Every structure is written in C-alpha cells, then in structure tokens.
Amino acid sequence: MNASNATETRRAGPFLGVALAFAATMIGTTLPTPLYPIYQQQLGFSQLMITIIFAVYAAGVIAALLITGRWSDQLGRRPLLFAGLAASILSDLVFWHADGLGMILAGRVLSGISAGIFTGTATVAVMELVPDSWQRVGTLVATAANMGGLGLGPMLAGVLAVLFPMPLALPYIVHLVLALVAVVCIWCAPETVKRPERIRLRVQKLKVPAEVRGVFVPAAIAAFAGFMVCGFFTAVTPAFLGKVLGYTNHALIGFVAGLLFIASTVGQMLQGRLPESRRLPIGCAVLFVGVLFVAWGIGAAQLAGFIIGAIVAGIGQGIAFRAGMGAVTAASPDEHKAAVVSTFFFVAYIAISLPVVGIGLVGSVLSLKTTGLLFDLLVAVLCCVALWLLLRRNRRQASA
C-alpha cells in the first residue's frame, strides 16, 4: 500500500465513524413511532395527545437549529456533536424510565434537540471529513445517514417490540448502546474547525432576500408538502394502520413508517440523474402520485396503498427536498446563505408538526378516515400549487 492509499484509508475511518454517529442519533428520534399504541394502552391518552407529543419533538428540532445552527463554526464540530449525543442519551434514559405523559414529552423534546444539533453540524462534519477519492459519495453518505437513520428507527423498535419482552424499555436500551458507540466515533474523529480568538455565539436569523423569493417560494411549498407526509407517517401511522386498516403488529407499523424515509434517501440519490431544471417539478409530481396512493389506502382500507404510497411519496419527497435545497442555496447570496437555508429548514419542520396536530384536532371531531383523506387533499393541493409555480417560472425563463 502506497503512502497516498494509506492516508485515504486513515481518513476513511473518521468519515465513516461520524456518519455512523449521525445515523445512530437519527435512529433514536423515530424509535417511539411503533410504540405509541402501547403507550396509549398503558397511559390512556388520546390520539390528539400523540400528535402533540410529536409536535414538541419538532419544537425541539427548530429551537436547536435556530439557536445552535452556527455554533459549530465557533466552538468546533466535536463539542456540538457531543452535546447532541448527550441529549440523545438523556432522551433514552427518560423514555426507559417513563411512567407518565410528562416524561414522554420531556423525552421527545430532548430527542428533538439532538436531531436539531446533528442535522446541520453532522452534515457539515461528514462533508469535511470525506476522503478526496470519495468526494462524489460524500453527500450521499450524509443523506443516507440522516434519512436512513430516521427510517431505521421505527423499524428497529417495531421488531424489538414484537420479538422480545420489555417493548417500552428494550428499544431505548439498544439505542443507548448505539449512542455510546457514537460517542467513541466522535471522540476518535479529528476536529475540522479552528476556533477563532474571539467566540461570538449568535442565534441564526431567518431571512429570505427579495432576489431569492422566486426560487424559495415554490421550493418551500414543495418541502412543506413533503414534510407534511413525513410527519403523517411518523406520528399517526399506528392509528391509521390499527383503527382504519385493522393491523396492530408493531413490526409492520414500524416498517411502514420507516419505509417513507428509506424511499426518501433513494429519491435524494436519484435526483442528481435528472435534468436540473426539471428536478423540483418531477419531485412534486411524484409526491402527488404517492399521496394519491396513500388516499387509496385510507379510503379503501388497503395496506398496499399505504406501502406503495410510502415508497412513491418518499421518493418524490427526497427528489423535491434535495432539489429545492440545491436551488435555494445556489440562488442565495453568500452573506445570506446560512439564513436562507435555516429558513428553509424552519418551514420544513413547521410542516412536520402543525399539520399533524391539525389531524389530531380534526380527528377528534370527524372520523379518522375522513381526516386522513382531508389531509391528503391538502398535500395534493400544495403539490399542484408548487408545480404550477415552477412550470410558470420555467416558461418565463425560457421566454426570456
């Protein structure tokens, strides 16, 4: 082995280690999804409360993104990643010993904080540690760690709940072990940021300059629609599979909930092969088709609709999200890039939380099936609006 190959091999270890830590942390954020029916049975809270539990997670993500979004540029990547892992470990411990609604809410807030810290910091850290010969796959590894981890979380918890005793403890114990392995991975990784002499910790501001709005609005609408579907599958899949379709197997619930995120990873990988000007419209169109399949699954009480809908909608969400992020980043002036990207993520996580709470509120008045169909209709309308804006913008650019 020559010196160059040896150097590449040494760099590959920290790169893969941080990616593993990223995936492990994101796995922890979606563990509770297939366990919600058990919590409901033991603690006796309503479906509306489940959506509120999910909303406080999103609030934790948004708070961490806005407050700590730029701190790693000042303090370094490793301290922030350790902080994110500490929040993840605390979340596991709280859930492990949860005996009431208050502890579940606290666990979800801590989980959201860990996700908010890792979403930005770990993505940058992975990209900074990628070996030179792996540059083409660096972004894909970061994407797979993020969305793939989100998808594996409910799948892991569902399988553990079915095959082993202590379904409300074992998933968090297993994840606690994964988190400790992640701590070792971050400990062994080099720091990629040189601390400035004077540290200034600032809250990330939200801003969309006028020259970016033409790109930002349709991309944000598409992201909003896609993340609404993510929130739907993560928060209320157990209720729809159990009460509308009659399936209560926790492993099946975890599989369906996680499938959307795995498909999103595939969509983000595929979008680079599409013509650049058509990526976002194609993503919106595929998401629209996926939502139609989900509506069929709800209306006709067909599991196949949920599974096909999760795959198709996930691919569309992945294409639209990555294409939208790329378009918004490219259109933003350097001095406003961080603020615009933060605003884009803010819109996405608002989409994960508020509409899901709306499902809980409407579902307490109307039937769950009717509520689900109304939700699908709203997502479909948003897809159509985004698609219309994008096609109109493309026509204007072509004529100009």
Protein backbone atom coordinates (compact mmCIF):
# COMPACT_ATOMS: atom_id res chain seq x y z
CA MET A 1 0.00 0.00 0.00
CA ASN A 2 1.50 3.34 -1.04
CA ALA A 3 1.50 6.47 1.14
CA SER A 4 -1.46 8.02 -0.68
CA ASN A 5 -3.67 4.96 -0.21
CA ALA A 6 -2.65 4.71 3.45
CA THR A 7 -3.64 8.35 4.00
CA GLU A 8 -7.01 7.78 2.31
CA THR A 9 -7.62 4.72 4.49
CA ARG A 10 -6.82 6.68 7.66
CA ARG A 11 -9.23 9.44 6.61
CA ALA A 12 -11.97 6.92 5.80
CA GLY A 13 -12.23 5.79 9.43
CA PRO A 14 -13.25 9.16 10.97
CA PHE A 15 -15.51 9.88 7.98
CA LEU A 16 -17.43 6.63 8.39
CA GLY A 17 -17.38 6.98 12.18
CA VAL A 18 -19.09 10.39 12.12
CA ALA A 19 -21.59 9.09 9.54
CA LEU A 20 -22.35 6.15 11.86
CA ALA A 21 -22.84 8.54 14.78
CA PHE A 22 -25.17 10.63 12.59
CA ALA A 23 -27.27 7.59 11.68
CA ALA A 24 -27.36 6.32 15.28
CA THR A 25 -28.62 9.68 16.57
CA MET A 26 -31.35 9.91 13.94
CA ILE A 27 -32.45 6.33 14.69
CA GLY A 28 -33.21 7.47 18.23
CA THR A 29 -35.51 10.26 17.08
CA THR A 30 -38.07 7.93 15.47
CA LEU A 31 -37.92 4.96 17.87
CA PRO A 32 -41.25 5.74 19.64
CA THR A 33 -43.42 5.61 16.48
CA PRO A 34 -44.50 1.93 16.59
CA LEU A 35 -44.67 2.05 20.40
CA TYR A 36 -47.38 4.73 20.60
CA PRO A 37 -50.24 2.18 20.74
CA ILE A 38 -48.60 0.57 23.78
CA TYR A 39 -48.18 3.95 25.47
CA GLN A 40 -51.84 4.72 24.72
CA GLN A 41 -52.97 1.42 26.21
CA GLN A 42 -50.88 1.82 29.38
CA LEU A 43 -51.26 5.56 29.99
CA GLY A 44 -54.67 6.14 28.42
CA PHE A 45 -54.05 9.30 26.39
CA SER A 46 -55.80 10.26 23.16
CA GLN A 47 -54.67 10.39 19.53
CA LEU A 48 -54.59 14.18 19.82
CA MET A 49 -52.00 13.84 22.60
CA ILE A 50 -49.83 11.65 20.35
CA THR A 51 -49.76 14.41 17.75
CA ILE A 52 -48.86 16.93 20.46
CA ILE A 53 -46.05 14.64 21.62
CA PHE A 54 -44.75 14.65 18.07
CA ALA A 55 -45.14 18.43 17.81
CA VAL A 56 -42.96 19.06 20.87
CA TYR A 57 -40.26 16.99 19.17
CA ALA A 58 -40.42 19.30 16.16
CA ALA A 59 -40.27 22.30 18.51
CA GLY A 60 -37.06 20.89 19.97
CA VAL A 61 -35.60 20.45 16.49
CA ILE A 62 -36.47 24.00 15.43
CA ALA A 63 -35.12 25.52 18.65
CA ALA A 64 -31.82 23.64 18.33
CA LEU A 65 -31.48 24.51 14.64
CA LEU A 66 -32.01 28.21 15.24
CA ILE A 67 -30.05 28.55 18.48
CA THR A 68 -27.05 26.29 17.76
CA GLY A 69 -27.11 26.34 13.94
CA ARG A 70 -23.88 28.35 13.63
CA TRP A 71 -22.22 27.50 16.94
CA SER A 72 -20.07 24.72 15.50
CA ASP A 73 -18.30 27.30 13.31
CA GLN A 74 -17.14 28.94 16.56
CA LEU A 75 -16.86 26.10 19.07
CA GLY A 76 -15.93 23.31 16.67
CA ARG A 77 -17.86 20.35 15.29
CA ARG A 78 -16.97 17.82 18.01
CA PRO A 79 -18.30 19.80 21.03
CA LEU A 80 -21.66 20.28 19.30
CA LEU A 81 -21.82 16.63 18.26
CA PHE A 82 -21.07 15.57 21.84
CA ALA A 83 -23.87 17.87 23.00
CA GLY A 84 -26.27 16.28 20.51
CA LEU A 85 -25.33 12.81 21.70
CA ALA A 86 -25.77 13.86 25.32
CA ALA A 87 -29.33 14.99 24.51
CA SER A 88 -29.96 11.70 22.69
CA ILE A 89 -28.67 9.63 25.64
CA LEU A 90 -30.76 11.64 28.11
CA SER A 91 -33.80 11.05 25.89
CA ASP A 92 -33.18 7.29 26.00
CA LEU A 93 -32.88 7.34 29.79
CA VAL A 94 -36.08 9.39 30.18
CA PHE A 95 -38.07 7.10 27.86
CA TRP A 96 -36.61 4.00 29.51
CA HIS A 97 -38.00 5.07 32.88
CA ALA A 98 -41.08 6.95 31.62
CA ASP A 99 -44.11 6.39 33.83
CA GLY A 100 -46.31 9.25 32.65
CA LEU A 101 -47.05 11.78 29.97
CA GLY A 102 -44.67 14.40 31.37
CA MET A 103 -41.63 12.16 30.95
CA ILE A 104 -42.67 11.21 27.41
CA LEU A 105 -42.96 14.90 26.48
CA ALA A 106 -39.55 15.59 28.06
CA GLY A 107 -38.01 12.67 26.18
CA ARG A 108 -39.36 13.93 22.86
CA VAL A 109 -38.05 17.45 23.45
CA LEU A 110 -34.59 16.07 24.23
CA SER A 111 -34.79 13.87 21.14
CA GLY A 112 -35.72 16.90 19.03
CA ILE A 113 -32.79 18.87 20.41
CA SER A 114 -30.40 16.04 19.49
CA ALA A 115 -31.83 15.94 15.95
CA GLY A 116 -31.65 19.72 15.58
CA ILE A 117 -27.99 19.81 16.58
CA PHE A 118 -26.99 16.87 14.39
CA THR A 119 -28.97 17.83 11.27
CA GLY A 120 -26.70 20.78 10.49
CA THR A 121 -23.47 20.04 12.35
CA ALA A 122 -23.09 16.36 11.42
CA THR A 123 -23.89 17.01 7.76
CA VAL A 124 -21.08 19.57 7.57
CA ALA A 125 -18.70 17.36 9.58
CA VAL A 126 -19.26 14.38 7.28
CA MET A 127 -18.59 16.54 4.21
CA GLU A 128 -15.40 17.96 5.75
CA LEU A 129 -14.03 14.52 6.63
CA VAL A 130 -14.75 12.77 3.33
CA PRO A 131 -11.55 11.38 1.72
CA ASP A 132 -10.59 13.03 -1.58
CA SER A 133 -11.25 9.88 -3.60
CA TRP A 134 -14.76 9.62 -2.08
CA GLN A 135 -15.90 13.17 -2.80
CA ARG A 136 -18.64 12.02 -5.18
CA VAL A 137 -20.31 9.91 -2.49
CA GLY A 138 -19.82 12.27 0.45
CA THR A 139 -23.20 13.98 0.09
CA LEU A 140 -24.93 10.65 -0.44
CA VAL A 141 -23.38 9.22 2.74
CA ALA A 142 -24.59 12.25 4.74
CA THR A 143 -28.06 11.90 3.20
CA ALA A 144 -28.21 8.17 3.86
CA ALA A 145 -27.09 8.65 7.47
CA ASN A 146 -29.78 11.27 8.07
CA MET A 147 -32.86 9.93 6.30
CA GLY A 148 -31.78 6.30 6.53
CA GLY A 149 -31.42 6.65 10.30
CA LEU A 150 -34.90 8.18 10.52
CA GLY A 151 -36.25 5.20 8.59
CA LEU A 152 -34.43 2.53 10.60
CA GLY A 153 -35.65 3.90 13.95
CA PRO A 154 -39.29 2.71 13.79
CA MET A 155 -38.27 -0.50 12.02
CA LEU A 156 -35.83 -1.37 14.82
CA ALA A 157 -38.28 -0.52 17.62
CA GLY A 158 -41.11 -2.44 15.94
CA VAL A 159 -39.07 -5.61 15.55
CA LEU A 160 -37.75 -5.45 19.12
CA ALA A 161 -41.29 -4.89 20.46
CA VAL A 162 -42.57 -8.00 18.66
CA LEU A 163 -39.70 -10.40 19.29
CA PHE A 164 -38.61 -9.56 22.83
CA PRO A 165 -40.11 -8.61 26.22
CA MET A 166 -39.99 -5.09 27.69
CA PRO A 167 -41.17 -3.32 24.49
CA LEU A 168 -41.10 0.11 26.20
CA ALA A 169 -37.57 -0.34 27.55
CA LEU A 170 -35.51 -2.57 25.24
CA PRO A 171 -35.54 -0.28 22.16
CA TYR A 172 -34.10 2.56 24.24
CA ILE A 173 -31.52 0.29 25.89
CA VAL A 174 -30.36 -0.88 22.45
CA HIS A 175 -30.21 2.69 21.21
CA LEU A 176 -28.30 3.73 24.33
CA VAL A 177 -25.61 1.23 23.33
CA LEU A 178 -25.58 2.66 19.80
CA ALA A 179 -25.27 6.18 21.20
CA LEU A 180 -22.29 5.16 23.34
CA VAL A 181 -20.62 3.68 20.25
CA ALA A 182 -21.33 7.01 18.52
CA VAL A 183 -19.58 8.85 21.37
CA VAL A 184 -16.47 6.75 20.73
CA CYS A 185 -16.69 7.51 16.99
CA ILE A 186 -16.85 11.27 17.61
CA TRP A 187 -14.05 11.04 20.21
CA CYS A 188 -11.79 9.40 17.61
CA ALA A 189 -12.65 11.91 14.85
CA PRO A 190 -10.41 14.94 14.29
CA GLU A 191 -11.69 18.48 14.73
CA THR A 192 -12.16 20.23 11.39
CA VAL A 193 -12.69 23.77 12.69
CA LYS A 194 -10.07 26.12 14.09
CA ARG A 195 -11.57 28.19 16.90
CA PRO A 196 -11.45 31.93 16.40
CA GLU A 197 -9.69 34.06 19.04
CA ARG A 198 -12.98 35.70 19.93
CA ILE A 199 -16.06 33.49 20.15
CA ARG A 200 -19.40 35.06 19.29
CA LEU A 201 -22.36 32.74 19.69
CA ARG A 202 -25.38 34.02 17.83
CA VAL A 203 -28.89 32.77 17.15
CA GLN A 204 -29.41 32.00 13.46
CA LYS A 205 -31.70 34.61 11.91
CA LEU A 206 -34.42 33.76 9.40
CA LYS A 207 -34.33 35.71 6.17
CA VAL A 208 -35.30 35.37 2.51
CA PRO A 209 -33.92 38.25 0.38
CA ALA A 210 -36.15 39.57 -2.39
CA GLU A 211 -33.91 38.18 -5.14
CA VAL A 212 -34.27 34.64 -3.74
CA ARG A 213 -38.05 34.59 -3.24
CA GLY A 214 -38.90 33.49 -6.77
CA VAL A 215 -36.90 30.31 -6.18
CA PHE A 216 -37.64 29.97 -2.47
CA VAL A 217 -41.47 30.08 -2.53
CA PRO A 218 -42.17 27.07 -4.79
CA ALA A 219 -39.28 25.10 -3.24
CA ALA A 220 -40.59 25.85 0.27
CA ILE A 221 -44.16 24.88 -0.69
CA ALA A 222 -42.88 21.58 -2.10
CA ALA A 223 -40.79 21.00 1.04
CA PHE A 224 -43.81 21.83 3.22
CA ALA A 225 -45.94 19.26 1.39
CA GLY A 226 -43.22 16.61 1.56
CA PHE A 227 -42.53 17.09 5.25
CA MET A 228 -46.26 17.04 5.99
CA VAL A 229 -46.23 13.50 4.65
CA CYS A 230 -43.15 12.70 6.77
CA GLY A 231 -44.98 13.94 9.86
CA PHE A 232 -48.07 11.95 8.92
CA PHE A 233 -46.18 8.66 8.60
CA THR A 234 -44.12 9.22 11.74
CA ALA A 235 -46.87 10.42 14.08
CA VAL A 236 -50.15 8.84 13.02
CA THR A 237 -49.28 5.69 11.05
CA PRO A 238 -50.02 3.49 14.13
CA ALA A 239 -53.51 4.97 14.44
CA PHE A 240 -54.37 4.60 10.74
CA LEU A 241 -52.98 1.08 10.42
CA GLY A 242 -54.69 -0.02 13.64
CA LYS A 243 -58.04 1.78 13.58
CA VAL A 244 -58.67 2.10 9.82
CA LEU A 245 -56.92 -0.96 8.39
CA GLY A 246 -57.01 -3.24 11.43
CA TYR A 247 -53.26 -4.00 11.62
CA THR A 248 -51.74 -3.83 15.12
CA ASN A 249 -48.41 -5.64 14.60
CA HIS A 250 -45.71 -3.29 15.85
CA ALA A 251 -43.11 -4.55 13.39
CA LEU A 252 -45.47 -3.85 10.49
CA ILE A 253 -46.24 -0.37 11.84
CA GLY A 254 -42.52 0.36 12.17
CA PHE A 255 -41.83 -0.95 8.66
CA VAL A 256 -44.49 1.22 7.02
CA ALA A 257 -43.47 4.31 9.00
CA GLY A 258 -39.78 3.84 8.23
CA LEU A 259 -40.27 2.94 4.59
CA LEU A 260 -41.02 6.56 3.63
CA PHE A 261 -37.63 7.74 4.91
CA ILE A 262 -35.74 4.92 3.20
CA ALA A 263 -37.52 5.82 -0.05
CA SER A 264 -36.65 9.49 0.53
CA THR A 265 -32.98 8.51 0.72
CA VAL A 266 -33.35 6.76 -2.64
CA GLY A 267 -35.09 9.84 -4.10
CA GLN A 268 -32.28 12.12 -2.94
CA MET A 269 -29.76 9.81 -4.57
CA LEU A 270 -31.72 9.71 -7.83
CA GLN A 271 -32.31 13.46 -8.21
CA GLY A 272 -28.76 14.08 -9.44
CA ARG A 273 -29.52 12.00 -12.53
CA LEU A 274 -32.46 14.17 -13.55
CA PRO A 275 -32.22 17.34 -15.68
CA GLU A 276 -31.51 20.19 -13.28
CA SER A 277 -34.42 22.40 -14.36
CA ARG A 278 -36.89 19.51 -14.01
CA ARG A 279 -35.81 18.02 -10.68
CA LEU A 280 -38.16 20.01 -8.47
CA PRO A 281 -41.22 19.67 -10.76
CA ILE A 282 -40.61 15.93 -11.10
CA GLY A 283 -40.29 15.64 -7.31
CA CYS A 284 -43.62 17.45 -6.81
CA ALA A 285 -45.34 15.26 -9.40
CA VAL A 286 -44.03 12.02 -7.87
CA LEU A 287 -45.04 13.20 -4.39
CA PHE A 288 -48.53 13.97 -5.73
CA VAL A 289 -48.85 10.43 -7.13
CA GLY A 290 -47.64 8.98 -3.83
CA VAL A 291 -50.27 10.94 -1.92
CA LEU A 292 -52.95 9.53 -4.23
CA PHE A 293 -51.83 6.01 -3.33
CA VAL A 294 -51.99 6.87 0.38
CA ALA A 295 -55.52 8.25 -0.14
CA TRP A 296 -56.49 4.98 -1.84
CA GLY A 297 -55.04 3.06 1.12
CA ILE A 298 -57.11 5.13 3.56
CA GLY A 299 -60.32 5.23 1.55
CA ALA A 300 -60.35 1.58 0.53
CA ALA A 301 -58.67 0.31 3.74
CA GLN A 302 -55.87 -1.25 1.68
CA LEU A 303 -52.43 -1.86 3.21
CA ALA A 304 -50.97 -1.94 -0.30
CA GLY A 305 -51.97 1.70 -0.73
CA PHE A 306 -50.03 2.68 2.37
CA ILE A 307 -46.93 0.72 1.35
CA ILE A 308 -46.91 1.87 -2.29
CA GLY A 309 -47.79 5.39 -1.18
CA ALA A 310 -44.88 5.43 1.31
CA ILE A 311 -42.44 4.34 -1.40
CA VAL A 312 -43.66 6.70 -4.13
CA ALA A 313 -44.25 9.70 -1.83
CA GLY A 314 -40.89 9.11 -0.17
CA ILE A 315 -39.06 9.13 -3.49
CA GLY A 316 -40.90 12.29 -4.53
CA GLN A 317 -40.18 13.97 -1.19
CA GLY A 318 -36.50 13.09 -1.48
CA ILE A 319 -36.20 14.45 -5.02
CA ALA A 320 -38.12 17.63 -4.20
CA PHE A 321 -36.33 18.32 -0.94
CA ARG A 322 -32.79 17.91 -2.24
CA ALA A 323 -33.56 19.72 -5.49
CA GLY A 324 -35.28 22.55 -3.60
CA MET A 325 -32.41 22.87 -1.15
CA GLY A 326 -29.91 22.95 -4.01
CA ALA A 327 -31.87 25.58 -5.93
CA VAL A 328 -32.34 27.79 -2.86
CA THR A 329 -28.67 27.51 -1.88
CA ALA A 330 -27.48 28.31 -5.40
CA ALA A 331 -29.76 31.37 -5.65
CA SER A 332 -28.77 32.81 -2.25
CA PRO A 333 -26.03 35.47 -1.88
CA ASP A 334 -23.10 34.21 0.23
CA GLU A 335 -23.81 36.67 3.04
CA HIS A 336 -27.41 35.40 3.39
CA LYS A 337 -26.92 31.72 2.53
CA ALA A 338 -26.99 30.42 6.11
CA ALA A 339 -30.11 32.45 6.96
CA VAL A 340 -31.97 31.28 3.85
CA VAL A 341 -31.09 27.62 4.43
CA SER A 342 -32.17 27.92 8.07
CA THR A 343 -35.47 29.45 6.93
CA PHE A 344 -35.94 26.55 4.53
CA PHE A 345 -35.43 24.02 7.34
CA PHE A 346 -37.73 26.07 9.60
CA VAL A 347 -40.53 25.77 7.02
CA ALA A 348 -39.90 22.03 6.72
CA TYR A 349 -40.13 21.34 10.46
CA ILE A 350 -43.18 23.54 10.88
CA ALA A 351 -44.72 21.29 8.21
CA ILE A 352 -43.86 18.21 10.26
CA SER A 353 -45.56 19.47 13.40
CA LEU A 354 -48.53 21.83 12.91
CA PRO A 355 -50.46 19.82 10.26
CA VAL A 356 -50.10 16.67 12.36
CA VAL A 357 -51.61 18.48 15.35
CA GLY A 358 -54.39 19.52 12.97
CA ILE A 359 -55.00 15.84 12.22
CA GLY A 360 -55.38 15.21 15.94
CA LEU A 361 -57.83 18.09 16.35
CA VAL A 362 -59.96 17.27 13.30
CA GLY A 363 -59.78 13.56 14.11
CA SER A 364 -61.43 14.24 17.47
CA VAL A 365 -64.47 15.63 15.61
CA LEU A 366 -64.56 13.67 12.34
CA SER A 367 -63.68 10.05 11.66
CA LEU A 368 -60.01 9.16 11.30
CA LYS A 369 -60.62 8.06 7.69
CA THR A 370 -62.23 11.37 6.72
CA THR A 371 -59.45 13.28 8.48
CA GLY A 372 -56.80 11.34 6.59
CA LEU A 373 -58.47 11.98 3.25
CA LEU A 374 -58.72 15.73 4.00
CA PHE A 375 -55.02 15.73 4.92
CA ASP A 376 -54.14 14.01 1.64
CA LEU A 377 -56.24 16.54 -0.26
CA LEU A 378 -54.33 19.41 1.34
CA VAL A 379 -50.96 17.88 0.45
CA ALA A 380 -52.14 17.25 -3.12
CA VAL A 381 -53.26 20.89 -3.46
CA LEU A 382 -49.87 22.11 -2.18
CA CYS A 383 -48.10 19.86 -4.71
CA CYS A 384 -50.23 21.29 -7.52
CA VAL A 385 -49.56 24.89 -6.41
CA ALA A 386 -45.81 24.28 -6.23
CA LEU A 387 -45.85 22.53 -9.60
CA TRP A 388 -47.80 25.38 -11.22
CA LEU A 389 -45.40 27.99 -9.83
CA LEU A 390 -42.38 26.02 -11.01
CA LEU A 391 -43.72 25.44 -14.52
CA ARG A 392 -44.71 29.12 -14.82
CA ARG A 393 -41.23 30.16 -13.69
CA ASN A 394 -39.58 27.78 -16.16
CA ARG A 395 -41.70 29.16 -19.00
CA ARG A 396 -40.74 32.71 -18.09
CA GLN A 397 -37.07 31.79 -18.01
CA ALA A 398 -37.36 30.03 -21.37
CA SER A 399 -39.08 33.01 -22.99
CA ALA A 400 -36.52 35.42 -21.50
